[in-house]
Amino acid sequence: MKPICIDANVFIASTKGDETYSSDCRRVIQTVADGKFYLIEPTICLTEVIRNISRYLGMEAGKIQENNLRSTEECSP
């Protein structure tokens, strides 16, 4: 398994679903979920994703995305 760092815009486009590359973004994220890569992200990415999803899709969607991202978050000591 190799590391991958995904820009916040990939998460945002995949969640919004109406961007030109939304389906490509979903495929990239799915490869991580399938275990082909492990995700390395700066902590600011979480804030960027939640802020933008909340702005475009509403606070409830932002909270759901936050819970999804936090549930996959794993921190090393």
N, C-alpha and C. Protein backbone atom coordinates (compact mmCIF):
# COMPACT_ATOMS: atom_id res chain seq x y z
N MET A 1 0.85 -1.17 0.00
CA MET A 1 0.00 0.00 0.00
C MET A 1 0.90 1.24 0.00
N LYS A 2 0.53 2.22 -0.81
CA LYS A 2 1.31 3.44 -0.94
C LYS A 2 0.54 4.62 -0.34
N PRO A 3 1.27 5.63 0.14
CA PRO A 3 0.60 6.83 0.67
C PRO A 3 0.08 7.71 -0.46
N ILE A 4 -0.99 8.43 -0.15
CA ILE A 4 -1.54 9.40 -1.11
C ILE A 4 -2.06 10.59 -0.30
N CYS A 5 -1.85 11.77 -0.83
CA CYS A 5 -2.39 12.99 -0.24
C CYS A 5 -3.39 13.56 -1.25
N ILE A 6 -4.62 13.74 -0.81
CA ILE A 6 -5.68 14.21 -1.69
C ILE A 6 -6.07 15.63 -1.29
N ASP A 7 -6.12 16.51 -2.25
CA ASP A 7 -6.52 17.89 -2.01
C ASP A 7 -7.97 17.95 -1.52
N ALA A 8 -8.26 18.95 -0.71
CA ALA A 8 -9.62 19.13 -0.18
C ALA A 8 -10.66 19.21 -1.30
N ASN A 9 -10.29 19.79 -2.43
CA ASN A 9 -11.25 19.94 -3.53
C ASN A 9 -11.73 18.61 -4.08
N VAL A 10 -10.93 17.56 -3.94
CA VAL A 10 -11.36 16.23 -4.39
C VAL A 10 -12.51 15.74 -3.51
N PHE A 11 -12.37 15.92 -2.20
CA PHE A 11 -13.45 15.53 -1.28
C PHE A 11 -14.71 16.37 -1.53
N ILE A 12 -14.51 17.66 -1.76
CA ILE A 12 -15.64 18.57 -1.98
C ILE A 12 -16.38 18.21 -3.26
N ALA A 13 -15.65 18.05 -4.36
CA ALA A 13 -16.29 17.70 -5.64
C ALA A 13 -16.99 16.37 -5.57
N SER A 14 -16.39 15.42 -4.88
CA SER A 14 -17.02 14.10 -4.77
C SER A 14 -18.33 14.18 -3.99
N THR A 15 -18.37 15.01 -2.95
CA THR A 15 -19.57 15.14 -2.13
C THR A 15 -20.65 15.95 -2.85
N LYS A 16 -20.25 17.06 -3.50
CA LYS A 16 -21.23 17.88 -4.21
C LYS A 16 -21.88 17.11 -5.35
N GLY A 17 -21.10 16.36 -6.08
CA GLY A 17 -21.64 15.52 -7.14
C GLY A 17 -21.98 16.21 -8.45
N ASP A 18 -21.90 17.54 -8.50
CA ASP A 18 -22.28 18.23 -9.73
C ASP A 18 -21.10 18.92 -10.42
N GLU A 19 -19.90 18.60 -9.98
CA GLU A 19 -18.70 19.17 -10.59
C GLU A 19 -18.31 18.33 -11.81
N THR A 20 -17.55 18.91 -12.71
CA THR A 20 -17.10 18.21 -13.91
C THR A 20 -16.40 16.90 -13.58
N TYR A 21 -15.59 16.91 -12.53
CA TYR A 21 -14.80 15.73 -12.18
C TYR A 21 -15.31 14.99 -10.95
N SER A 22 -16.56 15.19 -10.58
CA SER A 22 -17.10 14.55 -9.37
C SER A 22 -16.97 13.03 -9.40
N SER A 23 -17.30 12.41 -10.52
CA SER A 23 -17.21 10.94 -10.57
C SER A 23 -15.77 10.47 -10.50
N ASP A 24 -14.84 11.21 -11.11
CA ASP A 24 -13.42 10.86 -11.01
C ASP A 24 -12.94 10.99 -9.56
N CYS A 25 -13.40 12.03 -8.89
CA CYS A 25 -13.02 12.24 -7.49
C CYS A 25 -13.53 11.11 -6.61
N ARG A 26 -14.76 10.67 -6.86
CA ARG A 26 -15.30 9.54 -6.10
C ARG A 26 -14.48 8.29 -6.32
N ARG A 27 -14.01 8.08 -7.54
CA ARG A 27 -13.18 6.89 -7.83
C ARG A 27 -11.85 6.95 -7.09
N VAL A 28 -11.25 8.13 -7.02
CA VAL A 28 -9.99 8.28 -6.29
C VAL A 28 -10.20 7.95 -4.81
N ILE A 29 -11.24 8.51 -4.23
CA ILE A 29 -11.52 8.25 -2.82
C ILE A 29 -11.85 6.78 -2.60
N GLN A 30 -12.53 6.17 -3.54
CA GLN A 30 -12.87 4.74 -3.41
C GLN A 30 -11.61 3.87 -3.40
N THR A 31 -10.57 4.26 -4.15
CA THR A 31 -9.33 3.46 -4.13
C THR A 31 -8.69 3.48 -2.75
N VAL A 32 -8.84 4.60 -2.03
CA VAL A 32 -8.35 4.66 -0.65
C VAL A 32 -9.20 3.75 0.23
N ALA A 33 -10.52 3.84 0.08
CA ALA A 33 -11.44 3.01 0.87
C ALA A 33 -11.21 1.52 0.60
N ASP A 34 -10.81 1.20 -0.62
CA ASP A 34 -10.55 -0.20 -0.98
C ASP A 34 -9.20 -0.70 -0.47
N GLY A 35 -8.41 0.19 0.12
CA GLY A 35 -7.13 -0.21 0.69
C GLY A 35 -5.96 -0.20 -0.28
N LYS A 36 -6.13 0.39 -1.44
CA LYS A 36 -5.02 0.45 -2.40
C LYS A 36 -4.00 1.52 -2.02
N PHE A 37 -4.43 2.52 -1.28
CA PHE A 37 -3.56 3.60 -0.80
C PHE A 37 -3.94 3.89 0.64
N TYR A 38 -3.02 4.50 1.37
CA TYR A 38 -3.41 5.04 2.67
C TYR A 38 -3.27 6.55 2.61
N LEU A 39 -4.20 7.20 3.24
CA LEU A 39 -4.38 8.63 3.13
C LEU A 39 -3.53 9.38 4.15
N ILE A 40 -2.82 10.38 3.67
CA ILE A 40 -2.07 11.30 4.52
C ILE A 40 -2.59 12.69 4.20
N GLU A 41 -3.14 13.36 5.20
CA GLU A 41 -3.74 14.68 4.98
C GLU A 41 -3.30 15.66 6.04
N PRO A 42 -3.07 16.92 5.65
CA PRO A 42 -2.85 17.96 6.67
C PRO A 42 -4.16 18.22 7.40
N THR A 43 -4.08 18.60 8.65
CA THR A 43 -5.30 18.82 9.43
C THR A 43 -6.18 19.92 8.83
N ILE A 44 -5.60 20.88 8.13
CA ILE A 44 -6.39 21.96 7.53
C ILE A 44 -7.38 21.41 6.50
N CYS A 45 -7.09 20.27 5.93
CA CYS A 45 -7.98 19.67 4.92
C CYS A 45 -9.36 19.42 5.50
N LEU A 46 -9.42 18.92 6.72
CA LEU A 46 -10.70 18.65 7.37
C LEU A 46 -11.53 19.93 7.48
N THR A 47 -10.90 21.01 7.89
CA THR A 47 -11.59 22.29 8.03
C THR A 47 -12.07 22.80 6.68
N GLU A 48 -11.22 22.71 5.66
CA GLU A 48 -11.59 23.18 4.32
C GLU A 48 -12.81 22.43 3.78
N VAL A 49 -12.78 21.11 3.93
CA VAL A 49 -13.86 20.28 3.40
C VAL A 49 -15.17 20.60 4.11
N ILE A 50 -15.14 20.62 5.43
CA ILE A 50 -16.37 20.87 6.20
C ILE A 50 -16.94 22.26 5.90
N ARG A 51 -16.07 23.26 5.84
CA ARG A 51 -16.53 24.63 5.57
C ARG A 51 -17.20 24.72 4.21
N ASN A 52 -16.58 24.14 3.20
CA ASN A 52 -17.13 24.24 1.85
C ASN A 52 -18.40 23.40 1.68
N ILE A 53 -18.43 22.23 2.22
CA ILE A 53 -19.64 21.40 2.12
C ILE A 53 -20.80 22.09 2.84
N SER A 54 -20.52 22.66 4.01
CA SER A 54 -21.57 23.37 4.75
C SER A 54 -22.08 24.57 3.95
N ARG A 55 -21.18 25.27 3.28
CA ARG A 55 -21.58 26.44 2.50
C ARG A 55 -22.41 26.05 1.28
N TYR A 56 -22.01 24.99 0.57
CA TYR A 56 -22.72 24.60 -0.65
C TYR A 56 -23.95 23.73 -0.41
N LEU A 57 -23.88 22.85 0.59
CA LEU A 57 -24.96 21.88 0.77
C LEU A 57 -25.71 22.02 2.09
N GLY A 58 -25.29 22.94 2.95
CA GLY A 58 -25.98 23.16 4.21
C GLY A 58 -25.23 22.56 5.40
N MET A 59 -25.59 23.04 6.57
CA MET A 59 -24.92 22.64 7.81
C MET A 59 -25.05 21.15 8.08
N GLU A 60 -26.21 20.58 7.81
CA GLU A 60 -26.40 19.15 8.08
C GLU A 60 -25.45 18.30 7.24
N ALA A 61 -25.32 18.64 5.97
CA ALA A 61 -24.39 17.92 5.09
C ALA A 61 -22.96 18.09 5.59
N GLY A 62 -22.62 19.28 6.07
CA GLY A 62 -21.29 19.53 6.63
C GLY A 62 -21.02 18.67 7.84
N LYS A 63 -22.01 18.54 8.72
CA LYS A 63 -21.85 17.70 9.92
C LYS A 63 -21.69 16.23 9.55
N ILE A 64 -22.46 15.79 8.56
CA ILE A 64 -22.34 14.39 8.11
C ILE A 64 -20.94 14.14 7.55
N GLN A 65 -20.46 15.06 6.71
CA GLN A 65 -19.12 14.92 6.14
C GLN A 65 -18.06 14.95 7.23
N GLU A 66 -18.24 15.81 8.21
CA GLU A 66 -17.28 15.87 9.33
C GLU A 66 -17.23 14.52 10.04
N ASN A 67 -18.38 13.96 10.34
CA ASN A 67 -18.41 12.65 11.02
C ASN A 67 -17.76 11.57 10.17
N ASN A 68 -18.02 11.61 8.86
CA ASN A 68 -17.40 10.62 7.96
C ASN A 68 -15.89 10.75 7.96
N LEU A 69 -15.39 11.98 7.86
CA LEU A 69 -13.95 12.18 7.82
C LEU A 69 -13.30 11.86 9.16
N ARG A 70 -13.93 12.25 10.24
CA ARG A 70 -13.36 11.97 11.57
C ARG A 70 -13.35 10.48 11.86
N SER A 71 -14.32 9.74 11.36
CA SER A 71 -14.36 8.31 11.63
C SER A 71 -13.24 7.56 10.90
N THR A 72 -12.71 8.16 9.83
CA THR A 72 -11.61 7.53 9.11
C THR A 72 -10.26 8.10 9.53
N GLU A 73 -10.28 9.08 10.39
CA GLU A 73 -9.05 9.74 10.82
C GLU A 73 -8.30 8.86 11.81
N GLU A 74 -7.03 8.68 11.57
CA GLU A 74 -6.19 7.91 12.47
C GLU A 74 -4.92 8.70 12.70
N CYS A 75 -4.63 8.99 13.94
CA CYS A 75 -3.45 9.80 14.25
C CYS A 75 -2.37 8.93 14.84
N SER A 76 -1.15 9.17 14.41
CA SER A 76 0.00 8.48 14.98
C SER A 76 0.56 9.33 16.12
N PRO A 77 1.05 8.66 17.18
CA PRO A 77 1.61 9.43 18.31
C PRO A 77 2.89 10.13 17.92
